[in-house]
Amino acid sequence: MSPGNKIIVLRGGAIGDFILTLPVFAELRAQYPGVRLEVLGYPAIAGLALAAGLVDAVLPVESPALASFFVASAALDPEWRAYFATASLVLSYLSDPESNFADNVRRCTAAPYIQGPSRPRDGGGIHAVEVLLAPLKSLGIQAASAAPQLPVEPWPLPAGEFWLAAHPGSGSARKNWPAASWEMLLDAWLRWTDAGLVIIGGEAEGERPRRLAEICRARGVRSDRVVLLQHAPLPRVARYLKACQAFVGHDSGITHLAAAVGAPGLALWGETDATVWRPRGDRIQSVHEPAGLSALPPATVLARLLDLRPIETRSPALEVADCAGKILVIGYGNTLRSDDGVGVVVAEAIRLWGLQKVAVMTAHQLTPELAEPMGRAAAVFFIDARLDSNLAGETTCAPLAGPTGGRVDPHLTTPEGLLGLAQALYGRAPRAWVITLPITEVGFGESLTPLAQARAIQARELFLRTLMALPPSLV
């Protein structure tokens, strides 16, 4: 089949449905580069493809004059009859169970009419992109399964700053993370990082994004660090997403839009069939919680987002004065004895997050010299492994009751002993916690076992969970 001068694609549906159809436009454009490609859809959504230059025109599928095409043997609007008469190919993804629309278009034109699926079937085991590309096979186009791509220019956010885009909603309440969890996440993001935040909301979210923005601004952060995009045109939203270095959202059209513009980030995934509906490509990672989305801890999401930040891996040696008024993290252990060094590994991972008001030190073992930075710190986290051949224990984060008296052993100092030394020498012992990771392997080696790697992830999240609960008055 060799179309003449116009291909008409009919595509309704929500934002995500349209984004997942973008590979169809790309294949048609590649196969027929000189043919005009027009879309009948919802202009507010299909305008994304027009703004990106993927199609040549967008017409409103909700036009009242087009309604008669859905009625069998109806009198058809003359202008729409003339429009379809100019088509060389019509490809429809509209729901048309009785073929009324198809039959009426065929009354207007002799051009081939191809009916595609309006919605891929859940549980079918085939991704939506592949299902939507399948009708092109009748044209001899063996389309490779592809990720939707939407070329856009980034919005001019302040250069040199890291920005997170957050979309706290979706078209269905059952897909949404609880509002309280969103509040905890965004509060921690602004409190413990120097990054900016773009909150995105549309009709489905109501006033939820605005309330979140107001809560964030009320925490005393600079007003220019929080941007609210409420009911913004989708091409503008796409440009903001392109400008942001990270994204977090639900199973929603905006998440598919973020993936299409190439934004890295997280999709907080609920009960929807991920095999069919997950964002294509490797830029958006799905985060699942076996107990349900409402049970997903904010600390887990925060840790995954912080991992996306490209923090410089080499930093100058930490000075004692750098610990004043900060949260001090001390990871210790023997990095030459396999899992015994997991405390150091966790501390280094925390350092790479580049958290504000958090200082990190590592050591082979605890020594009295650590009492001085502890005496200056607002709070201290000790991170260490504990040999547990039976693995009876779990990774824990427990508060220390306070300093203990007595003589300090300079060769085998304990967290309690260091708190006592800090109290004796510097007049104060900060609040402190011990994060303990049970391990089984302490043989010679510099790599961690899979078990210790899993424990390390748990320890990072326990640290963040405790950090997020600290009162603002502490630091």
Protein backbone atom coordinates (compact mmCIF):
# COMPACT_ATOMS: atom_id res chain seq x y z
CA MET A 1 0.00 0.00 0.00
CA SER A 2 1.38 3.39 -0.96
CA PRO A 3 -0.65 6.29 0.47
CA GLY A 4 -1.05 9.48 -1.50
CA ASN A 5 -0.94 12.72 0.41
CA LYS A 6 -2.78 12.25 3.72
CA ILE A 7 -2.95 9.69 6.49
CA ILE A 8 -5.64 10.23 9.14
CA VAL A 9 -5.16 8.60 12.55
CA LEU A 10 -8.08 8.63 14.97
CA ARG A 11 -6.96 8.36 18.59
CA GLY A 12 -9.02 9.17 21.67
CA GLY A 13 -8.25 8.05 25.19
CA ALA A 14 -6.33 9.63 28.05
CA ILE A 15 -2.80 11.02 28.14
CA GLY A 16 -1.11 7.67 28.66
CA ASP A 17 -3.10 6.04 25.84
CA PHE A 18 -1.93 8.74 23.44
CA ILE A 19 1.71 8.64 24.58
CA LEU A 20 1.81 4.88 24.02
CA THR A 21 0.60 5.49 20.44
CA LEU A 22 3.56 7.75 19.59
CA PRO A 23 5.57 4.86 18.06
CA VAL A 24 2.73 4.44 15.52
CA PHE A 25 3.21 8.02 14.34
CA ALA A 26 6.97 7.53 14.23
CA GLU A 27 6.64 4.39 12.07
CA LEU A 28 4.18 6.01 9.68
CA ARG A 29 6.43 9.07 9.37
CA ALA A 30 9.47 6.89 8.68
CA GLN A 31 7.66 4.70 6.13
CA TYR A 32 5.94 7.58 4.30
CA PRO A 33 8.15 10.67 4.81
CA GLY A 34 6.37 12.81 2.21
CA VAL A 35 2.83 12.11 3.38
CA ARG A 36 0.80 14.51 5.51
CA LEU A 37 -0.05 12.94 8.87
CA GLU A 38 -3.11 14.25 10.74
CA VAL A 39 -4.67 13.17 14.02
CA LEU A 40 -8.29 13.29 15.12
CA GLY A 41 -8.05 13.33 18.89
CA TYR A 42 -8.36 15.54 21.92
CA PRO A 43 -6.36 18.68 21.03
CA ALA A 44 -5.22 19.22 24.63
CA ILE A 45 -3.53 15.80 24.49
CA ALA A 46 -2.77 15.26 20.80
CA GLY A 47 -1.26 18.74 20.75
CA LEU A 48 1.83 17.11 22.29
CA ALA A 49 2.57 15.37 18.99
CA LEU A 50 1.87 18.53 17.02
CA ALA A 51 4.17 20.66 19.19
CA ALA A 52 6.94 18.07 18.82
CA GLY A 53 6.55 17.95 15.02
CA LEU A 54 5.45 14.31 14.95
CA VAL A 55 2.19 15.12 13.12
CA ASP A 56 1.11 17.90 10.80
CA ALA A 57 -2.31 18.73 12.21
CA VAL A 58 -4.69 17.89 15.06
CA LEU A 59 -8.47 18.04 14.69
CA PRO A 60 -11.01 17.63 17.52
CA VAL A 61 -12.52 14.17 17.64
CA GLU A 62 -15.13 15.51 20.05
CA SER A 63 -16.55 17.84 17.36
CA PRO A 64 -20.37 17.79 17.57
CA ALA A 65 -20.56 17.56 13.79
CA LEU A 66 -18.64 14.26 13.94
CA ALA A 67 -21.16 12.63 16.31
CA SER A 68 -23.35 11.35 13.47
CA PHE A 69 -20.51 9.11 12.26
CA PHE A 70 -21.11 6.92 15.30
CA VAL A 71 -24.72 6.26 14.19
CA ALA A 72 -25.52 3.61 11.58
CA SER A 73 -26.58 5.01 8.18
CA ALA A 74 -26.85 8.53 9.60
CA ALA A 75 -26.86 11.76 7.62
CA LEU A 76 -23.23 12.85 7.71
CA ASP A 77 -21.87 16.36 8.08
CA PRO A 78 -20.79 17.64 4.62
CA GLU A 79 -17.54 19.16 5.87
CA TRP A 80 -16.47 15.96 7.56
CA ARG A 81 -17.48 13.96 4.47
CA ALA A 82 -15.22 16.20 2.40
CA TYR A 83 -12.42 15.86 4.94
CA PHE A 84 -12.39 12.06 4.90
CA ALA A 85 -12.66 12.09 1.11
CA THR A 86 -9.13 13.51 0.98
CA ALA A 87 -7.64 10.60 2.95
CA SER A 88 -5.32 8.05 1.43
CA LEU A 89 -5.41 5.93 4.58
CA VAL A 90 -7.51 5.98 7.75
CA LEU A 91 -6.19 4.27 10.88
CA SER A 92 -8.62 4.27 13.79
CA TYR A 93 -8.04 3.46 17.43
CA LEU A 94 -11.53 4.60 18.43
CA SER A 95 -13.88 2.22 20.19
CA ASP A 96 -16.26 1.14 17.46
CA PRO A 97 -17.83 -2.18 18.52
CA GLU A 98 -20.59 -2.13 15.89
CA SER A 99 -18.37 -0.67 13.12
CA ASN A 100 -20.73 2.28 12.66
CA PHE A 101 -17.89 4.79 12.47
CA ALA A 102 -15.90 2.63 10.05
CA ASP A 103 -18.91 2.07 7.78
CA ASN A 104 -19.69 5.78 7.66
CA VAL A 105 -16.10 6.74 6.83
CA ARG A 106 -16.13 4.17 4.04
CA ARG A 107 -19.17 6.00 2.64
CA CYS A 108 -16.90 9.05 2.29
CA THR A 109 -13.72 7.55 0.86
CA ALA A 110 -12.36 4.53 -0.94
CA ALA A 111 -9.13 4.78 1.03
CA PRO A 112 -8.13 1.75 3.13
CA TYR A 113 -9.60 1.82 6.63
CA ILE A 114 -7.71 -0.05 9.35
CA GLN A 115 -9.30 -0.66 12.73
CA GLY A 116 -6.91 -0.88 15.65
CA PRO A 117 -7.60 -1.62 19.32
CA SER A 118 -8.85 1.28 21.42
CA ARG A 119 -7.32 -0.29 24.52
CA PRO A 120 -4.91 -3.21 24.98
CA ARG A 121 -6.25 -6.09 27.03
CA ASP A 122 -5.07 -6.43 30.63
CA GLY A 123 -3.57 -9.81 31.32
CA GLY A 124 -2.70 -10.35 27.68
CA GLY A 125 1.02 -10.47 28.40
CA ILE A 126 1.84 -8.04 25.56
CA HIS A 127 2.89 -4.45 26.12
CA ALA A 128 0.49 -1.76 24.93
CA VAL A 129 3.02 -0.34 22.47
CA GLU A 130 3.26 -3.69 20.67
CA VAL A 131 -0.52 -4.04 20.59
CA LEU A 132 -0.94 -0.56 19.10
CA LEU A 133 1.78 -1.16 16.49
CA ALA A 134 0.28 -4.47 15.34
CA PRO A 135 -2.26 -2.95 12.85
CA LEU A 136 0.64 -1.58 10.80
CA LYS A 137 1.50 -5.12 9.73
CA SER A 138 -1.39 -4.94 7.24
CA LEU A 139 0.59 -2.17 5.53
CA GLY A 140 3.69 -4.33 5.36
CA ILE A 141 5.32 -2.41 8.20
CA GLN A 142 7.09 -4.80 10.56
CA ALA A 143 7.57 -2.26 13.30
CA ALA A 144 10.16 -3.00 15.93
CA SER A 145 8.83 -2.65 19.45
CA ALA A 146 9.93 0.80 20.54
CA ALA A 147 9.74 3.21 23.44
CA PRO A 148 7.60 6.32 22.87
CA GLN A 149 9.78 9.37 22.25
CA LEU A 150 8.68 12.99 22.35
CA PRO A 151 11.39 15.46 21.29
CA VAL A 152 10.93 18.74 23.18
CA GLU A 153 13.12 21.60 24.33
CA PRO A 154 13.64 21.80 28.11
CA TRP A 155 11.99 24.60 30.04
CA PRO A 156 14.61 27.16 31.16
CA LEU A 157 14.87 26.24 34.84
CA PRO A 158 17.86 27.72 36.72
CA ALA A 159 21.02 26.16 35.32
CA GLY A 160 23.29 24.12 37.54
CA GLU A 161 20.52 23.08 39.94
CA PHE A 162 18.95 19.66 40.41
CA TRP A 163 15.16 19.59 39.97
CA LEU A 164 12.67 16.91 40.89
CA ALA A 165 9.29 16.78 39.14
CA ALA A 166 6.51 15.18 41.20
CA HIS A 167 3.04 14.20 39.99
CA PRO A 168 1.02 13.16 43.07
CA GLY A 169 -2.07 11.95 41.24
CA SER A 170 -3.57 9.82 38.47
CA GLY A 171 -6.88 9.11 36.85
CA SER A 172 -7.84 6.63 39.57
CA ALA A 173 -7.67 6.98 43.34
CA ARG A 174 -6.67 3.32 43.73
CA LYS A 175 -3.45 4.04 41.84
CA ASN A 176 -2.44 6.82 44.21
CA TRP A 177 0.06 6.79 47.04
CA PRO A 178 -1.47 8.28 50.23
CA ALA A 179 -1.37 12.06 50.54
CA ALA A 180 0.47 11.80 53.89
CA SER A 181 3.24 9.79 52.22
CA TRP A 182 3.62 12.41 49.50
CA GLU A 183 3.83 15.12 52.13
CA MET A 184 6.57 13.26 54.03
CA LEU A 185 8.55 12.62 50.85
CA LEU A 186 8.46 16.17 49.51
CA ASP A 187 9.10 17.68 52.94
CA ALA A 188 12.22 15.51 53.29
CA TRP A 189 13.35 16.35 49.76
CA LEU A 190 13.28 20.08 50.47
CA ARG A 191 14.63 19.76 54.01
CA TRP A 192 17.60 17.50 53.36
CA THR A 193 18.63 18.47 49.81
CA ASP A 194 19.32 21.77 48.08
CA ALA A 195 17.35 20.69 45.01
CA GLY A 196 14.25 22.27 43.52
CA LEU A 197 10.77 20.80 43.20
CA VAL A 198 8.17 21.02 40.42
CA ILE A 199 4.71 19.79 41.50
CA ILE A 200 2.41 18.85 38.61
CA GLY A 201 -1.36 18.65 38.82
CA GLY A 202 -4.35 18.51 36.54
CA GLU A 203 -8.10 18.04 36.78
CA ALA A 204 -7.87 14.54 38.26
CA GLU A 205 -5.80 15.73 41.22
CA GLY A 206 -8.09 18.59 42.19
CA GLU A 207 -6.49 20.82 44.81
CA ARG A 208 -4.08 18.16 46.06
CA PRO A 209 -0.98 19.54 44.23
CA ARG A 210 -1.75 23.07 45.37
CA ARG A 211 -2.07 21.97 48.99
CA LEU A 212 1.22 20.11 48.76
CA ALA A 213 2.92 23.19 47.32
CA GLU A 214 1.52 25.35 50.12
CA ILE A 215 2.71 22.87 52.75
CA CYS A 216 6.18 22.80 51.22
CA ARG A 217 6.43 26.59 51.05
CA ALA A 218 5.19 26.89 54.62
CA ARG A 219 8.24 24.95 55.82
CA GLY A 220 10.42 27.98 55.26
CA VAL A 221 12.08 26.96 51.98
CA ARG A 222 12.86 29.59 49.37
CA SER A 223 9.79 30.25 47.26
CA ASP A 224 11.78 29.79 44.03
CA ARG A 225 12.61 26.19 44.99
CA VAL A 226 8.95 25.12 44.60
CA VAL A 227 7.17 25.46 41.25
CA LEU A 228 3.49 24.54 40.89
CA LEU A 229 2.20 23.51 37.46
CA GLN A 230 -1.56 23.33 37.98
CA HIS A 231 -3.69 22.83 34.85
CA ALA A 232 -0.73 23.79 32.64
CA PRO A 233 -0.88 22.91 28.91
CA LEU A 234 0.69 19.52 28.31
CA PRO A 235 3.40 20.81 25.91
CA ARG A 236 4.59 23.08 28.74
CA VAL A 237 4.47 20.20 31.22
CA ALA A 238 6.55 18.14 28.79
CA ARG A 239 9.20 20.86 28.64
CA TYR A 240 9.36 21.08 32.43
CA LEU A 241 9.73 17.29 32.64
CA LYS A 242 12.54 17.45 30.10
CA ALA A 243 14.31 20.09 32.20
CA CYS A 244 14.09 18.10 35.45
CA GLN A 245 16.78 15.62 36.41
CA ALA A 246 14.39 13.28 38.22
CA PHE A 247 10.69 12.43 38.29
CA VAL A 248 8.35 10.59 40.63
CA GLY A 249 4.72 9.74 39.95
CA HIS A 250 2.12 7.00 39.79
CA ASP A 251 0.81 4.74 37.06
CA SER A 252 -0.44 7.72 35.06
CA GLY A 253 -0.26 9.53 31.76
CA ILE A 254 2.16 12.09 33.17
CA THR A 255 4.55 9.27 34.07
CA HIS A 256 4.37 8.02 30.48
CA LEU A 257 4.98 11.59 29.34
CA ALA A 258 8.06 11.81 31.58
CA ALA A 259 9.39 8.59 30.07
CA ALA A 260 8.73 9.86 26.53
CA VAL A 261 10.78 13.04 27.03
CA GLY A 262 13.60 11.02 28.59
CA ALA A 263 13.31 12.02 32.25
CA PRO A 264 14.80 9.49 34.68
CA GLY A 265 12.67 8.64 37.67
CA LEU A 266 10.29 6.38 39.53
CA ALA A 267 6.78 5.09 38.89
CA LEU A 268 5.06 4.13 42.15
CA TRP A 269 3.17 1.13 40.82
CA GLY A 270 -0.01 -0.30 42.22
CA GLU A 271 -2.28 -3.09 40.96
CA THR A 272 -2.24 -2.31 37.22
CA ASP A 273 -0.77 -4.96 34.91
CA ALA A 274 2.82 -3.72 34.55
CA THR A 275 3.53 -6.10 31.68
CA VAL A 276 1.01 -4.18 29.57
CA TRP A 277 1.15 -0.65 30.94
CA ARG A 278 4.58 0.08 32.41
CA PRO A 279 6.50 2.98 30.83
CA ARG A 280 8.72 1.73 28.05
CA GLY A 281 12.51 2.13 28.22
CA ASP A 282 14.91 2.05 31.14
CA ARG A 283 14.64 5.68 32.31
CA ILE A 284 11.59 5.19 34.54
CA GLN A 285 11.93 2.47 37.17
CA SER A 286 8.82 0.88 38.64
CA VAL A 287 8.65 0.68 42.44
CA HIS A 288 6.38 -2.09 43.74
CA GLU A 289 5.30 -2.80 47.28
CA PRO A 290 4.02 -6.36 47.82
CA ALA A 291 1.76 -5.23 50.68
CA GLY A 292 0.12 -2.59 48.49
CA LEU A 293 0.98 0.94 47.45
CA SER A 294 -0.31 2.43 50.70
CA ALA A 295 2.35 0.42 52.58
CA LEU A 296 5.25 1.80 50.52
CA PRO A 297 7.51 3.72 52.96
CA PRO A 298 8.45 7.29 51.98
CA ALA A 299 12.03 6.50 53.00
CA THR A 300 12.20 3.81 50.31
CA VAL A 301 11.10 6.27 47.63
CA LEU A 302 13.44 8.98 48.92
CA ALA A 303 16.42 6.61 48.81
CA ARG A 304 15.67 5.66 45.20
CA LEU A 305 15.36 9.33 44.20
CA LEU A 306 18.58 10.29 45.95
CA ASP A 307 20.36 7.55 44.02
CA LEU A 308 19.53 9.47 40.83
CA ARG A 309 21.52 12.53 41.92
CA PRO A 310 24.96 12.72 40.25
CA ILE A 311 26.93 13.72 43.33
CA GLU A 312 30.71 14.13 42.99
CA THR A 313 32.34 10.95 44.29
CA ARG A 314 35.51 12.63 45.50
CA SER A 315 35.18 15.10 48.37
CA PRO A 316 37.75 16.80 50.61
CA ALA A 317 38.57 15.28 53.96
CA LEU A 318 35.96 16.11 56.56
CA GLU A 319 37.16 18.56 59.19
CA VAL A 320 35.94 18.47 62.77
CA ALA A 321 34.43 21.94 62.36
CA ASP A 322 32.34 20.62 59.45
CA CYS A 323 30.33 18.52 61.91
CA ALA A 324 29.10 21.42 64.01
CA GLY A 325 25.30 21.41 64.30
CA LYS A 326 24.94 18.60 61.75
CA ILE A 327 23.83 15.00 61.69
CA LEU A 328 27.03 12.97 61.91
CA VAL A 329 27.10 9.52 60.31
CA ILE A 330 29.94 7.21 61.36
CA GLY A 331 30.28 3.99 59.41
CA TYR A 332 32.95 1.61 60.59
CA GLY A 333 34.30 -1.86 59.90
CA ASN A 334 37.08 -3.71 58.11
CA THR A 335 36.61 -3.32 54.35
CA LEU A 336 39.20 -6.05 53.74
CA ARG A 337 37.07 -8.64 55.54
CA SER A 338 34.12 -8.93 53.19
CA ASP A 339 30.79 -8.11 54.92
CA ASP A 340 32.51 -6.67 57.98
CA GLY A 341 32.97 -3.49 55.97
CA VAL A 342 29.27 -3.06 55.18
CA GLY A 343 28.97 -0.19 57.68
CA VAL A 344 31.56 1.77 55.70
CA VAL A 345 29.76 0.96 52.45
CA VAL A 346 26.46 2.27 53.81
CA ALA A 347 28.09 5.45 55.12
CA GLU A 348 29.75 6.08 51.75
CA ALA A 349 26.42 5.62 50.00
CA ILE A 350 24.87 8.19 52.33
CA ARG A 351 27.74 10.59 51.64
CA LEU A 352 27.10 10.32 47.90
CA TRP A 353 23.54 11.51 48.44
CA GLY A 354 24.96 14.93 49.29
CA LEU A 355 22.40 15.60 52.00
CA GLN A 356 22.28 19.02 53.57
CA LYS A 357 23.25 19.24 57.27
CA VAL A 358 24.63 15.66 57.17
CA ALA A 359 28.33 14.91 57.63
CA VAL A 360 29.82 11.46 57.05
CA MET A 361 32.92 9.86 58.50
CA THR A 362 34.25 6.32 58.07
CA ALA A 363 36.71 4.37 60.18
CA HIS A 364 38.28 0.96 60.50
CA GLN A 365 37.09 0.96 64.12
CA LEU A 366 35.83 3.45 66.68
CA THR A 367 38.57 5.51 68.32
CA PRO A 368 38.59 8.23 71.00
CA GLU A 369 39.38 10.87 68.36
CA LEU A 370 35.79 10.60 67.15
CA ALA A 371 34.54 12.10 70.40
CA GLU A 372 35.43 15.63 69.29
CA PRO A 373 33.28 15.74 66.11
CA MET A 374 30.56 13.96 68.08
CA GLY A 375 30.68 16.68 70.70
CA ARG A 376 29.99 19.26 67.98
CA ALA A 377 27.27 17.32 66.14
CA ALA A 378 23.52 17.69 66.64
CA ALA A 379 23.03 13.92 66.44
CA VAL A 380 25.07 10.83 65.57
CA PHE A 381 24.32 7.62 63.68
CA PHE A 382 26.69 4.69 64.16
CA ILE A 383 26.58 2.05 61.40
CA ASP A 384 28.23 -1.32 61.94
CA ALA A 385 27.96 -5.00 61.13
CA ARG A 386 27.31 -7.74 63.66
CA LEU A 387 28.35 -11.33 63.10
CA ASP A 388 25.24 -13.51 63.28
CA SER A 389 25.86 -17.01 62.01
CA ASN A 390 22.18 -17.96 62.40
CA LEU A 391 20.85 -14.72 60.84
CA ALA A 392 18.29 -14.60 63.59
CA GLY A 393 18.25 -10.82 63.71
CA GLU A 394 17.08 -8.09 61.36
CA THR A 395 18.76 -4.87 60.32
CA THR A 396 17.84 -2.42 63.07
CA CYS A 397 18.13 1.26 63.96
CA ALA A 398 17.97 1.69 67.72
CA PRO A 399 18.45 4.82 69.84
CA LEU A 400 21.21 4.87 72.42
CA ALA A 401 20.05 5.57 75.95
CA GLY A 402 22.94 7.91 76.68
CA PRO A 403 26.60 7.96 77.70
CA THR A 404 28.04 5.45 80.11
CA GLY A 405 30.67 6.32 82.64
CA GLY A 406 33.95 4.62 83.39
CA ARG A 407 37.36 4.50 81.80
CA VAL A 408 37.55 4.60 78.00
CA ASP A 409 39.46 1.75 76.38
CA PRO A 410 41.54 3.39 73.59
CA HIS A 411 41.67 0.14 71.61
CA LEU A 412 38.04 -0.99 71.64
CA THR A 413 35.75 1.99 72.02
CA THR A 414 31.99 1.52 71.91
CA PRO A 415 29.30 4.00 70.82
CA GLU A 416 28.22 4.33 74.46
CA GLY A 417 31.78 4.92 75.55
CA LEU A 418 32.31 7.60 72.92
CA LEU A 419 29.16 9.40 74.03
CA GLY A 420 30.53 9.39 77.57
CA LEU A 421 33.87 10.73 76.36
CA ALA A 422 32.17 13.48 74.38
CA GLN A 423 30.19 14.43 77.48
CA ALA A 424 33.31 14.45 79.67
CA LEU A 425 35.57 16.38 77.28
CA TYR A 426 33.19 18.68 75.42
CA GLY A 427 30.29 19.06 77.80
CA ARG A 428 27.61 17.41 75.67
CA ALA A 429 26.59 14.04 74.31
CA PRO A 430 24.36 14.28 71.22
CA ARG A 431 21.35 12.12 70.57
CA ALA A 432 22.56 8.92 68.94
CA TRP A 433 21.35 5.83 67.11
CA VAL A 434 23.05 2.58 66.17
CA ILE A 435 22.22 0.90 62.86
CA THR A 436 23.20 -2.75 63.09
CA LEU A 437 23.47 -5.08 60.10
CA PRO A 438 23.60 -8.84 60.83
CA ILE A 439 26.18 -10.63 58.63
CA THR A 440 27.67 -14.11 58.28
CA GLU A 441 30.78 -13.63 56.12
CA VAL A 442 33.97 -12.02 57.46
CA GLY A 443 36.59 -13.83 55.37
CA PHE A 444 39.22 -11.96 53.42
CA GLY A 445 37.79 -10.05 50.47
CA GLU A 446 36.69 -6.57 49.46
CA SER A 447 33.25 -7.34 48.01
CA LEU A 448 29.95 -7.76 49.81
CA THR A 449 27.83 -10.88 49.62
CA PRO A 450 24.32 -10.53 48.16
CA LEU A 451 22.95 -10.77 51.68
CA ALA A 452 25.07 -7.86 52.90
CA GLN A 453 24.10 -5.81 49.84
CA ALA A 454 20.43 -6.34 50.70
CA ARG A 455 21.14 -5.41 54.33
CA ALA A 456 22.88 -2.25 53.14
CA ILE A 457 19.76 -1.14 51.27
CA GLN A 458 17.69 -1.75 54.40
CA ALA A 459 20.18 0.23 56.50
CA ARG A 460 20.05 3.24 54.17
CA GLU A 461 16.28 3.29 54.37
CA LEU A 462 16.29 2.93 58.15
CA PHE A 463 18.64 5.89 58.34
CA LEU A 464 16.35 7.99 56.15
CA ARG A 465 13.25 6.93 58.06
CA THR A 466 14.81 8.09 61.33
CA LEU A 467 16.22 11.24 59.73
CA MET A 468 12.82 12.21 58.34
CA ALA A 469 11.28 11.92 61.81
CA LEU A 470 13.77 14.27 63.48
CA PRO A 471 12.25 17.59 64.62
CA PRO A 472 13.33 20.65 62.62
CA SER A 473 14.56 22.21 65.86
CA LEU A 474 17.35 19.62 66.09
CA VAL A 475 19.30 20.95 63.09
